[in-house]
Amino acid sequence: VRVNHEDQKLSGCQFSLFVDSTGSIEKVAGVNDRSREMIESAESFSMFLGSNNLLYPFGSDSIRNVGDTWIITDEKDNLEEVPGFDNAAGKVKKITTYTLKKVKEKKGSVIAYINMESLLELNAVTNTWDESWEIDIGGRLKGIIRFDITHGKLIKCKMSATFKGNGRDLIDDDEFTFFQMLDLRIKVK
């Protein structure tokens, strides 16, 4: 099996985000065929966007100073928003640490440079086709984010992640382990 890296780049994918008055993302819709196909296969973007809130993507709207570090913990019993876990019951916990590294003025906008690191734990029982699995996954995501403070929008995000997991088939007790690496680049135009 060969990986098709060209398809994974998602070049040309355009999405519309429907946001309520609090900044929460209510719906993600594909604008073109390629993006609609991506939505059908991924089901959710919250894991990749890092936040479900566009107005306050890094927590509250309190003023931060260069060098400040803050932590946001997110726990869910509903795995619907986790890609690939449509038919699963369990818990996911994500602890994200942000550090404001610097602030620059560019072309009339104030730009924040933010480092982030997330630790992810997922424990679930999931059903795929005719099989039921008990799984445990741990992940670590690290990234650098550029955020336009003046206009309140993401400019760029570079992120890498590693995921390790193990599972057990609930029917025949077969066990497996896996390791996955992910490299993600987002640029908003």
N, C-alpha and C. Protein backbone atom coordinates (compact mmCIF):
# COMPACT_ATOMS: atom_id res chain seq x y z
N VAL A 1 0.85 -1.17 0.00
CA VAL A 1 0.00 0.00 0.00
C VAL A 1 0.89 1.24 0.00
N ARG A 2 0.61 2.16 -0.89
CA ARG A 2 1.37 3.41 -0.97
C ARG A 2 0.49 4.57 -0.51
N VAL A 3 1.11 5.48 0.20
CA VAL A 3 0.41 6.67 0.66
C VAL A 3 0.38 7.69 -0.46
N ASN A 4 -0.79 8.26 -0.72
CA ASN A 4 -0.92 9.30 -1.72
C ASN A 4 -0.77 10.65 -1.02
N HIS A 5 0.46 11.16 -1.00
CA HIS A 5 0.74 12.41 -0.29
C HIS A 5 0.05 13.61 -0.94
N GLU A 6 -0.16 13.56 -2.24
CA GLU A 6 -0.81 14.68 -2.92
C GLU A 6 -2.24 14.86 -2.42
N ASP A 7 -2.96 13.74 -2.25
CA ASP A 7 -4.33 13.82 -1.74
C ASP A 7 -4.36 14.30 -0.29
N GLN A 8 -3.34 13.97 0.46
CA GLN A 8 -3.32 14.35 1.87
C GLN A 8 -3.03 15.83 2.09
N LYS A 9 -2.52 16.52 1.08
CA LYS A 9 -2.21 17.94 1.24
C LYS A 9 -3.47 18.80 1.33
N LEU A 10 -4.57 18.32 0.83
CA LEU A 10 -5.84 19.04 0.83
C LEU A 10 -5.77 20.38 0.10
N SER A 11 -4.84 20.49 -0.85
CA SER A 11 -4.73 21.73 -1.62
C SER A 11 -6.05 21.98 -2.34
N GLY A 12 -6.54 23.18 -2.22
CA GLY A 12 -7.79 23.54 -2.87
C GLY A 12 -9.03 23.30 -2.04
N CYS A 13 -8.88 22.68 -0.86
CA CYS A 13 -10.04 22.47 0.01
C CYS A 13 -10.43 23.80 0.64
N GLN A 14 -11.69 24.14 0.52
CA GLN A 14 -12.21 25.36 1.13
C GLN A 14 -13.41 24.99 1.97
N PHE A 15 -13.48 25.61 3.16
CA PHE A 15 -14.54 25.30 4.10
C PHE A 15 -15.21 26.57 4.58
N SER A 16 -16.49 26.47 4.88
CA SER A 16 -17.24 27.54 5.53
C SER A 16 -17.51 27.10 6.96
N LEU A 17 -17.21 27.97 7.92
CA LEU A 17 -17.48 27.69 9.32
C LEU A 17 -18.68 28.52 9.74
N PHE A 18 -19.67 27.89 10.35
CA PHE A 18 -20.84 28.59 10.85
C PHE A 18 -20.65 28.75 12.35
N VAL A 19 -20.61 30.01 12.79
CA VAL A 19 -20.24 30.34 14.16
C VAL A 19 -21.38 31.09 14.84
N ASP A 20 -21.68 30.72 16.10
CA ASP A 20 -22.73 31.44 16.83
C ASP A 20 -22.16 32.69 17.50
N SER A 21 -22.98 33.45 18.20
CA SER A 21 -22.58 34.73 18.77
C SER A 21 -21.53 34.61 19.88
N THR A 22 -21.35 33.40 20.44
CA THR A 22 -20.34 33.21 21.49
C THR A 22 -18.99 32.82 20.90
N GLY A 23 -18.95 32.58 19.58
CA GLY A 23 -17.72 32.18 18.92
C GLY A 23 -17.60 30.69 18.69
N SER A 24 -18.56 29.91 19.16
CA SER A 24 -18.51 28.45 19.02
C SER A 24 -18.82 28.03 17.58
N ILE A 25 -18.04 27.10 17.08
CA ILE A 25 -18.25 26.58 15.73
C ILE A 25 -19.42 25.60 15.78
N GLU A 26 -20.49 25.93 15.08
CA GLU A 26 -21.68 25.09 15.07
C GLU A 26 -21.65 24.06 13.95
N LYS A 27 -21.05 24.44 12.80
CA LYS A 27 -21.07 23.54 11.64
C LYS A 27 -19.90 23.88 10.73
N VAL A 28 -19.35 22.86 10.08
CA VAL A 28 -18.32 23.04 9.07
C VAL A 28 -18.89 22.50 7.77
N ALA A 29 -18.88 23.31 6.72
CA ALA A 29 -19.43 22.90 5.43
C ALA A 29 -18.36 23.04 4.34
N GLY A 30 -18.33 22.07 3.45
CA GLY A 30 -17.40 22.13 2.33
C GLY A 30 -17.92 23.05 1.25
N VAL A 31 -17.02 23.84 0.66
CA VAL A 31 -17.39 24.77 -0.40
C VAL A 31 -17.27 24.11 -1.77
N ASN A 32 -16.31 23.19 -1.91
CA ASN A 32 -16.13 22.52 -3.20
C ASN A 32 -16.16 21.00 -3.00
N ASP A 33 -16.10 20.25 -4.11
CA ASP A 33 -16.21 18.79 -4.04
C ASP A 33 -15.14 18.16 -3.16
N ARG A 34 -13.93 18.64 -3.29
CA ARG A 34 -12.82 18.06 -2.52
C ARG A 34 -13.03 18.27 -1.02
N SER A 35 -13.48 19.44 -0.62
CA SER A 35 -13.70 19.70 0.80
C SER A 35 -14.90 18.92 1.34
N ARG A 36 -15.94 18.77 0.50
CA ARG A 36 -17.09 17.96 0.94
C ARG A 36 -16.68 16.50 1.13
N GLU A 37 -15.82 16.01 0.25
CA GLU A 37 -15.32 14.65 0.39
C GLU A 37 -14.50 14.52 1.68
N MET A 38 -13.71 15.53 2.00
CA MET A 38 -12.92 15.52 3.23
C MET A 38 -13.83 15.47 4.46
N ILE A 39 -14.89 16.25 4.45
CA ILE A 39 -15.82 16.27 5.58
C ILE A 39 -16.48 14.90 5.75
N GLU A 40 -16.87 14.28 4.65
CA GLU A 40 -17.49 12.96 4.73
C GLU A 40 -16.55 11.93 5.33
N SER A 41 -15.27 12.03 5.03
CA SER A 41 -14.34 11.03 5.54
C SER A 41 -13.85 11.35 6.95
N ALA A 42 -13.80 12.62 7.33
CA ALA A 42 -13.25 12.99 8.64
C ALA A 42 -14.32 13.22 9.69
N GLU A 43 -15.51 13.60 9.28
CA GLU A 43 -16.64 13.83 10.18
C GLU A 43 -16.50 15.04 11.09
N SER A 44 -15.28 15.43 11.46
CA SER A 44 -15.14 16.50 12.43
C SER A 44 -13.81 17.20 12.27
N PHE A 45 -13.79 18.47 12.62
CA PHE A 45 -12.55 19.23 12.52
C PHE A 45 -12.07 19.77 13.85
N SER A 46 -12.82 19.54 14.93
CA SER A 46 -12.43 20.12 16.22
C SER A 46 -11.07 19.63 16.68
N MET A 47 -10.76 18.40 16.39
CA MET A 47 -9.47 17.88 16.82
C MET A 47 -8.33 18.59 16.10
N PHE A 48 -8.55 18.98 14.84
CA PHE A 48 -7.50 19.62 14.07
C PHE A 48 -7.47 21.13 14.29
N LEU A 49 -8.61 21.72 14.49
CA LEU A 49 -8.65 23.16 14.71
C LEU A 49 -8.12 23.53 16.08
N GLY A 50 -8.17 22.62 17.00
CA GLY A 50 -7.62 22.86 18.32
C GLY A 50 -8.61 23.51 19.27
N SER A 51 -9.64 24.11 18.76
CA SER A 51 -10.64 24.76 19.60
C SER A 51 -11.95 24.80 18.85
N ASN A 52 -13.03 24.82 19.59
CA ASN A 52 -14.33 24.97 18.97
C ASN A 52 -14.82 26.40 19.09
N ASN A 53 -13.92 27.33 19.42
CA ASN A 53 -14.32 28.71 19.60
C ASN A 53 -13.41 29.62 18.80
N LEU A 54 -13.99 30.35 17.85
CA LEU A 54 -13.19 31.25 17.02
C LEU A 54 -12.91 32.59 17.69
N LEU A 55 -13.78 33.04 18.58
CA LEU A 55 -13.53 34.31 19.26
C LEU A 55 -12.46 34.19 20.33
N TYR A 56 -12.46 33.07 21.04
CA TYR A 56 -11.49 32.84 22.11
C TYR A 56 -10.84 31.47 21.94
N PRO A 57 -10.03 31.29 20.89
CA PRO A 57 -9.47 29.97 20.61
C PRO A 57 -8.45 29.50 21.64
N PHE A 58 -7.93 30.40 22.44
CA PHE A 58 -6.91 30.05 23.43
C PHE A 58 -7.44 30.21 24.84
N GLY A 59 -8.74 30.12 25.03
CA GLY A 59 -9.33 30.29 26.36
C GLY A 59 -10.01 31.64 26.45
N SER A 60 -10.04 32.19 27.65
CA SER A 60 -10.75 33.45 27.88
C SER A 60 -10.12 34.59 27.10
N ASP A 61 -10.79 35.73 27.11
CA ASP A 61 -10.30 36.90 26.39
C ASP A 61 -9.41 37.79 27.26
N SER A 62 -8.92 37.25 28.38
CA SER A 62 -8.08 38.07 29.25
C SER A 62 -6.77 38.41 28.56
N ILE A 63 -6.20 39.55 28.91
CA ILE A 63 -4.96 40.02 28.30
C ILE A 63 -3.81 39.13 28.74
N ARG A 64 -2.95 38.79 27.82
CA ARG A 64 -1.77 37.96 28.09
C ARG A 64 -0.52 38.81 27.87
N ASN A 65 0.55 38.44 28.57
CA ASN A 65 1.84 39.10 28.41
C ASN A 65 2.83 38.11 27.82
N VAL A 66 3.83 38.62 27.10
CA VAL A 66 4.86 37.77 26.54
C VAL A 66 5.48 36.97 27.67
N GLY A 67 5.60 35.67 27.46
CA GLY A 67 6.14 34.77 28.48
C GLY A 67 5.06 34.06 29.29
N ASP A 68 3.81 34.56 29.23
CA ASP A 68 2.73 33.91 29.98
C ASP A 68 2.46 32.51 29.44
N THR A 69 2.13 31.61 30.35
CA THR A 69 1.73 30.25 30.02
C THR A 69 0.38 30.00 30.65
N TRP A 70 -0.54 29.37 29.91
CA TRP A 70 -1.84 29.02 30.46
C TRP A 70 -2.26 27.66 29.93
N ILE A 71 -3.09 26.99 30.71
CA ILE A 71 -3.49 25.61 30.42
C ILE A 71 -5.00 25.53 30.27
N ILE A 72 -5.44 24.81 29.24
CA ILE A 72 -6.86 24.55 29.02
C ILE A 72 -7.06 23.04 29.01
N THR A 73 -7.97 22.57 29.84
CA THR A 73 -8.29 21.15 29.92
C THR A 73 -9.67 20.93 29.33
N ASP A 74 -9.78 19.95 28.45
CA ASP A 74 -11.06 19.64 27.81
C ASP A 74 -11.31 18.14 27.95
N GLU A 75 -12.42 17.78 28.59
CA GLU A 75 -12.80 16.38 28.75
C GLU A 75 -14.18 16.17 28.14
N LYS A 76 -14.32 15.06 27.42
CA LYS A 76 -15.61 14.76 26.79
C LYS A 76 -15.93 13.29 26.97
N ASP A 77 -17.21 13.04 27.21
CA ASP A 77 -17.70 11.66 27.23
C ASP A 77 -18.30 11.28 25.88
N ASN A 78 -18.47 12.28 25.01
CA ASN A 78 -19.05 12.08 23.69
C ASN A 78 -17.91 12.08 22.67
N LEU A 79 -17.68 10.96 22.03
CA LEU A 79 -16.57 10.86 21.07
C LEU A 79 -16.98 11.20 19.65
N GLU A 80 -18.17 11.72 19.46
CA GLU A 80 -18.68 12.05 18.13
C GLU A 80 -17.76 13.02 17.40
N GLU A 81 -17.11 13.95 18.13
CA GLU A 81 -16.26 14.96 17.51
C GLU A 81 -14.85 14.47 17.23
N VAL A 82 -14.53 13.24 17.60
CA VAL A 82 -13.21 12.69 17.37
C VAL A 82 -13.24 11.90 16.06
N PRO A 83 -12.42 12.29 15.07
CA PRO A 83 -12.46 11.60 13.78
C PRO A 83 -12.26 10.09 13.91
N GLY A 84 -13.13 9.34 13.24
CA GLY A 84 -13.02 7.89 13.22
C GLY A 84 -13.70 7.18 14.38
N PHE A 85 -14.34 7.92 15.28
CA PHE A 85 -14.96 7.30 16.44
C PHE A 85 -16.46 7.56 16.49
N ASP A 86 -17.11 7.38 15.36
CA ASP A 86 -18.55 7.61 15.26
C ASP A 86 -19.34 6.63 16.11
N ASN A 87 -18.92 5.36 16.14
CA ASN A 87 -19.64 4.32 16.86
C ASN A 87 -18.85 3.89 18.09
N ALA A 88 -18.53 4.86 18.94
CA ALA A 88 -17.69 4.56 20.10
C ALA A 88 -18.30 5.14 21.37
N ALA A 89 -18.00 4.49 22.49
CA ALA A 89 -18.39 5.00 23.80
C ALA A 89 -17.14 5.05 24.64
N GLY A 90 -16.91 6.18 25.29
CA GLY A 90 -15.72 6.30 26.10
C GLY A 90 -15.44 7.74 26.47
N LYS A 91 -14.18 8.03 26.76
CA LYS A 91 -13.79 9.37 27.19
C LYS A 91 -12.55 9.82 26.45
N VAL A 92 -12.50 11.13 26.23
CA VAL A 92 -11.29 11.74 25.68
C VAL A 92 -10.94 12.95 26.56
N LYS A 93 -9.66 13.07 26.87
CA LYS A 93 -9.19 14.18 27.69
C LYS A 93 -8.01 14.82 26.97
N LYS A 94 -8.05 16.15 26.86
CA LYS A 94 -6.97 16.88 26.21
C LYS A 94 -6.55 18.03 27.11
N ILE A 95 -5.28 18.08 27.42
CA ILE A 95 -4.71 19.16 28.22
C ILE A 95 -3.76 19.93 27.32
N THR A 96 -4.05 21.20 27.08
CA THR A 96 -3.25 22.02 26.18
C THR A 96 -2.59 23.15 26.95
N THR A 97 -1.29 23.28 26.76
CA THR A 97 -0.52 24.35 27.37
C THR A 97 -0.10 25.32 26.28
N TYR A 98 -0.45 26.59 26.45
CA TYR A 98 -0.08 27.64 25.50
C TYR A 98 0.96 28.55 26.16
N THR A 99 1.92 29.03 25.37
CA THR A 99 2.89 30.01 25.83
C THR A 99 2.98 31.12 24.80
N LEU A 100 2.74 32.36 25.23
CA LEU A 100 2.86 33.52 24.34
C LEU A 100 4.34 33.85 24.22
N LYS A 101 4.93 33.60 23.05
CA LYS A 101 6.36 33.78 22.85
C LYS A 101 6.74 35.21 22.50
N LYS A 102 5.98 35.82 21.58
CA LYS A 102 6.28 37.19 21.20
C LYS A 102 5.08 37.80 20.51
N VAL A 103 5.12 39.12 20.41
CA VAL A 103 4.08 39.88 19.71
C VAL A 103 4.79 40.85 18.78
N LYS A 104 4.36 40.87 17.51
CA LYS A 104 4.96 41.76 16.51
C LYS A 104 3.87 42.53 15.79
N GLU A 105 4.24 43.68 15.28
CA GLU A 105 3.31 44.42 14.43
C GLU A 105 3.75 44.22 12.98
N LYS A 106 2.82 43.76 12.15
CA LYS A 106 3.09 43.51 10.74
C LYS A 106 1.95 44.07 9.91
N LYS A 107 2.26 44.92 8.97
CA LYS A 107 1.28 45.48 8.04
C LYS A 107 0.04 46.00 8.76
N GLY A 108 0.24 46.69 9.87
CA GLY A 108 -0.86 47.30 10.61
C GLY A 108 -1.63 46.35 11.53
N SER A 109 -1.21 45.10 11.62
CA SER A 109 -1.86 44.14 12.50
C SER A 109 -0.90 43.70 13.60
N VAL A 110 -1.46 43.43 14.77
CA VAL A 110 -0.67 42.90 15.87
C VAL A 110 -0.77 41.37 15.81
N ILE A 111 0.41 40.72 15.70
CA ILE A 111 0.47 39.28 15.52
C ILE A 111 1.07 38.64 16.76
N ALA A 112 0.37 37.63 17.31
CA ALA A 112 0.86 36.87 18.45
C ALA A 112 1.47 35.57 17.96
N TYR A 113 2.64 35.24 18.48
CA TYR A 113 3.32 33.98 18.19
C TYR A 113 3.16 33.12 19.44
N ILE A 114 2.48 32.00 19.30
CA ILE A 114 2.10 31.18 20.45
C ILE A 114 2.59 29.75 20.24
N ASN A 115 3.29 29.22 21.24
CA ASN A 115 3.65 27.80 21.23
C ASN A 115 2.56 27.04 21.95
N MET A 116 2.28 25.83 21.49
CA MET A 116 1.28 25.00 22.15
C MET A 116 1.78 23.56 22.24
N GLU A 117 1.36 22.91 23.30
CA GLU A 117 1.62 21.49 23.47
C GLU A 117 0.39 20.87 24.11
N SER A 118 -0.10 19.79 23.51
CA SER A 118 -1.28 19.10 24.01
C SER A 118 -0.94 17.65 24.32
N LEU A 119 -1.53 17.17 25.40
CA LEU A 119 -1.47 15.75 25.73
C LEU A 119 -2.89 15.22 25.62
N LEU A 120 -3.05 14.11 24.92
CA LEU A 120 -4.36 13.54 24.64
C LEU A 120 -4.44 12.12 25.18
N GLU A 121 -5.55 11.82 25.85
CA GLU A 121 -5.83 10.46 26.30
C GLU A 121 -7.22 10.08 25.82
N LEU A 122 -7.33 8.90 25.22
CA LEU A 122 -8.63 8.44 24.74
C LEU A 122 -8.79 6.98 25.15
N ASN A 123 -9.89 6.68 25.82
CA ASN A 123 -10.23 5.32 26.23
C ASN A 123 -11.64 5.05 25.74
N ALA A 124 -11.81 3.96 24.98
CA ALA A 124 -13.13 3.74 24.40
C ALA A 124 -13.35 2.28 24.03
N VAL A 125 -14.61 1.98 23.82
CA VAL A 125 -15.03 0.74 23.18
C VAL A 125 -15.66 1.20 21.88
N THR A 126 -15.18 0.65 20.77
CA THR A 126 -15.64 1.10 19.47
C THR A 126 -16.05 -0.09 18.61
N ASN A 127 -16.96 0.16 17.69
CA ASN A 127 -17.45 -0.88 16.79
C ASN A 127 -17.11 -0.50 15.36
N THR A 128 -16.45 -1.43 14.65
CA THR A 128 -16.17 -1.24 13.24
C THR A 128 -16.63 -2.50 12.52
N TRP A 129 -17.46 -2.34 11.55
CA TRP A 129 -18.04 -3.45 10.82
C TRP A 129 -18.62 -4.46 11.80
N ASP A 130 -18.09 -5.67 11.83
CA ASP A 130 -18.63 -6.71 12.73
C ASP A 130 -17.76 -6.94 13.95
N GLU A 131 -16.86 -5.99 14.25
CA GLU A 131 -15.92 -6.16 15.35
C GLU A 131 -16.12 -5.10 16.42
N SER A 132 -15.82 -5.49 17.65
CA SER A 132 -15.84 -4.54 18.78
C SER A 132 -14.45 -4.53 19.40
N TRP A 133 -13.97 -3.34 19.68
CA TRP A 133 -12.61 -3.18 20.20
C TRP A 133 -12.63 -2.32 21.45
N GLU A 134 -11.75 -2.66 22.39
CA GLU A 134 -11.47 -1.80 23.53
C GLU A 134 -10.11 -1.18 23.24
N ILE A 135 -10.02 0.16 23.27
CA ILE A 135 -8.78 0.81 22.87
C ILE A 135 -8.36 1.88 23.88
N ASP A 136 -7.07 2.07 23.96
CA ASP A 136 -6.46 3.14 24.74
C ASP A 136 -5.45 3.84 23.84
N ILE A 137 -5.58 5.17 23.72
CA ILE A 137 -4.69 5.94 22.85
C ILE A 137 -4.13 7.11 23.65
N GLY A 138 -2.85 7.35 23.48
CA GLY A 138 -2.21 8.53 24.06
C GLY A 138 -1.55 9.31 22.95
N GLY A 139 -1.60 10.61 23.05
CA GLY A 139 -1.00 11.43 22.00
C GLY A 139 -0.35 12.68 22.55
N ARG A 140 0.60 13.17 21.78
CA ARG A 140 1.28 14.43 22.12
C ARG A 140 1.34 15.27 20.86
N LEU A 141 0.81 16.50 20.95
CA LEU A 141 0.79 17.42 19.83
C LEU A 141 1.61 18.65 20.21
N LYS A 142 2.46 19.10 19.31
CA LYS A 142 3.25 20.30 19.54
C LYS A 142 3.07 21.21 18.33
N GLY A 143 2.96 22.51 18.58
CA GLY A 143 2.77 23.40 17.46
C GLY A 143 3.18 24.83 17.73
N ILE A 144 3.26 25.57 16.63
CA ILE A 144 3.53 27.00 16.67
C ILE A 144 2.39 27.67 15.92
N ILE A 145 1.80 28.67 16.56
CA ILE A 145 0.62 29.33 16.02
C ILE A 145 0.89 30.82 15.83
N ARG A 146 0.46 31.35 14.70
CA ARG A 146 0.46 32.81 14.48
C ARG A 146 -0.99 33.25 14.47
N PHE A 147 -1.30 34.20 15.34
CA PHE A 147 -2.68 34.65 15.48
C PHE A 147 -2.74 36.16 15.34
N ASP A 148 -3.60 36.66 14.46
CA ASP A 148 -3.79 38.09 14.24
C ASP A 148 -4.72 38.62 15.32
N ILE A 149 -4.14 39.30 16.29
CA ILE A 149 -4.93 39.84 17.41
C ILE A 149 -5.85 40.96 16.93
N THR A 150 -5.38 41.78 16.01
CA THR A 150 -6.16 42.92 15.51
C THR A 150 -7.47 42.46 14.89
N HIS A 151 -7.41 41.42 14.07
CA HIS A 151 -8.60 40.94 13.36
C HIS A 151 -9.21 39.69 13.99
N GLY A 152 -8.58 39.16 15.04
CA GLY A 152 -9.11 37.99 15.74
C GLY A 152 -9.20 36.75 14.90
N LYS A 153 -8.10 36.45 14.15
CA LYS A 153 -8.16 35.25 13.31
C LYS A 153 -6.80 34.55 13.24
N LEU A 154 -6.87 33.26 13.02
CA LEU A 154 -5.68 32.44 12.84
C LEU A 154 -5.04 32.78 11.51
N ILE A 155 -3.72 32.92 11.51
CA ILE A 155 -2.99 33.17 10.27
C ILE A 155 -2.31 31.88 9.80
N LYS A 156 -1.62 31.24 10.73
CA LYS A 156 -0.82 30.08 10.37
C LYS A 156 -0.65 29.17 11.58
N CYS A 157 -0.59 27.87 11.32
CA CYS A 157 -0.37 26.91 12.39
C CYS A 157 0.46 25.75 11.83
N LYS A 158 1.56 25.45 12.50
CA LYS A 158 2.37 24.28 12.17
C LYS A 158 2.28 23.35 13.37
N MET A 159 1.91 22.11 13.12
CA MET A 159 1.72 21.18 14.22
C MET A 159 2.25 19.80 13.85
N SER A 160 2.85 19.14 14.82
CA SER A 160 3.24 17.75 14.64
C SER A 160 2.69 16.97 15.82
N ALA A 161 2.42 15.70 15.59
CA ALA A 161 1.81 14.89 16.64
C ALA A 161 2.29 13.45 16.54
N THR A 162 2.30 12.79 17.67
CA THR A 162 2.54 11.36 17.72
C THR A 162 1.44 10.74 18.56
N PHE A 163 0.95 9.60 18.11
CA PHE A 163 -0.09 8.86 18.82
C PHE A 163 0.37 7.42 18.99
N LYS A 164 0.20 6.91 20.20
CA LYS A 164 0.50 5.50 20.49
C LYS A 164 -0.76 4.90 21.09
N GLY A 165 -1.00 3.66 20.75
CA GLY A 165 -2.19 3.05 21.30
C GLY A 165 -2.12 1.54 21.32
N ASN A 166 -3.07 0.97 22.02
CA ASN A 166 -3.22 -0.48 22.02
C ASN A 166 -4.69 -0.79 22.13
N GLY A 167 -5.02 -1.98 21.74
CA GLY A 167 -6.41 -2.38 21.78
C GLY A 167 -6.57 -3.88 21.90
N ARG A 168 -7.81 -4.25 22.17
CA ARG A 168 -8.13 -5.67 22.33
C ARG A 168 -9.48 -5.93 21.67
N ASP A 169 -9.51 -6.98 20.85
CA ASP A 169 -10.75 -7.42 20.22
C ASP A 169 -11.61 -8.06 21.30
N LEU A 170 -12.83 -7.55 21.47
CA LEU A 170 -13.70 -8.05 22.53
C LEU A 170 -14.32 -9.41 22.23
N ILE A 171 -14.17 -9.87 21.00
CA ILE A 171 -14.72 -11.17 20.64
C ILE A 171 -13.70 -12.28 20.84
N ASP A 172 -12.48 -12.12 20.31
CA ASP A 172 -11.49 -13.20 20.40
C ASP A 172 -10.25 -12.83 21.22
N ASP A 173 -10.26 -11.69 21.90
CA ASP A 173 -9.15 -11.23 22.75
C ASP A 173 -7.85 -10.98 22.00
N ASP A 174 -7.90 -10.87 20.68
CA ASP A 174 -6.72 -10.48 19.90
C ASP A 174 -6.26 -9.10 20.36
N GLU A 175 -4.96 -8.88 20.48
CA GLU A 175 -4.45 -7.57 20.91
C GLU A 175 -3.60 -6.97 19.81
N PHE A 176 -3.52 -5.65 19.78
CA PHE A 176 -2.70 -4.95 18.80
C PHE A 176 -2.15 -3.67 19.43
N THR A 177 -1.09 -3.16 18.82
CA THR A 177 -0.54 -1.85 19.20
C THR A 177 -0.34 -1.07 17.91
N PHE A 178 -0.27 0.25 18.04
CA PHE A 178 0.00 1.06 16.85
C PHE A 178 0.71 2.34 17.25
N PHE A 179 1.33 2.95 16.25
CA PHE A 179 2.03 4.22 16.41
C PHE A 179 1.74 5.03 15.16
N GLN A 180 1.41 6.30 15.33
CA GLN A 180 1.08 7.15 14.19
C GLN A 180 1.71 8.52 14.38
N MET A 181 2.26 9.06 13.31
CA MET A 181 2.82 10.41 13.32
C MET A 181 2.02 11.27 12.36
N LEU A 182 1.86 12.54 12.71
CA LEU A 182 1.06 13.46 11.92
C LEU A 182 1.78 14.78 11.83
N ASP A 183 1.78 15.37 10.67
CA ASP A 183 2.37 16.68 10.46
C ASP A 183 1.30 17.52 9.77
N LEU A 184 0.95 18.65 10.35
CA LEU A 184 -0.17 19.46 9.86
C LEU A 184 0.27 20.90 9.69
N ARG A 185 -0.06 21.49 8.54
CA ARG A 185 0.23 22.89 8.26
C ARG A 185 -1.07 23.54 7.83
N ILE A 186 -1.44 24.62 8.51
CA ILE A 186 -2.65 25.36 8.17
C ILE A 186 -2.26 26.79 7.89
N LYS A 187 -2.73 27.32 6.78
CA LYS A 187 -2.48 28.72 6.44
C LYS A 187 -3.82 29.30 6.01
N VAL A 188 -4.24 30.35 6.68
CA VAL A 188 -5.52 30.98 6.38
C VAL A 188 -5.27 32.19 5.50
N LYS A 189 -6.00 32.27 4.40
CA LYS A 189 -5.84 33.41 3.48
C LYS A 189 -7.04 34.29 3.53
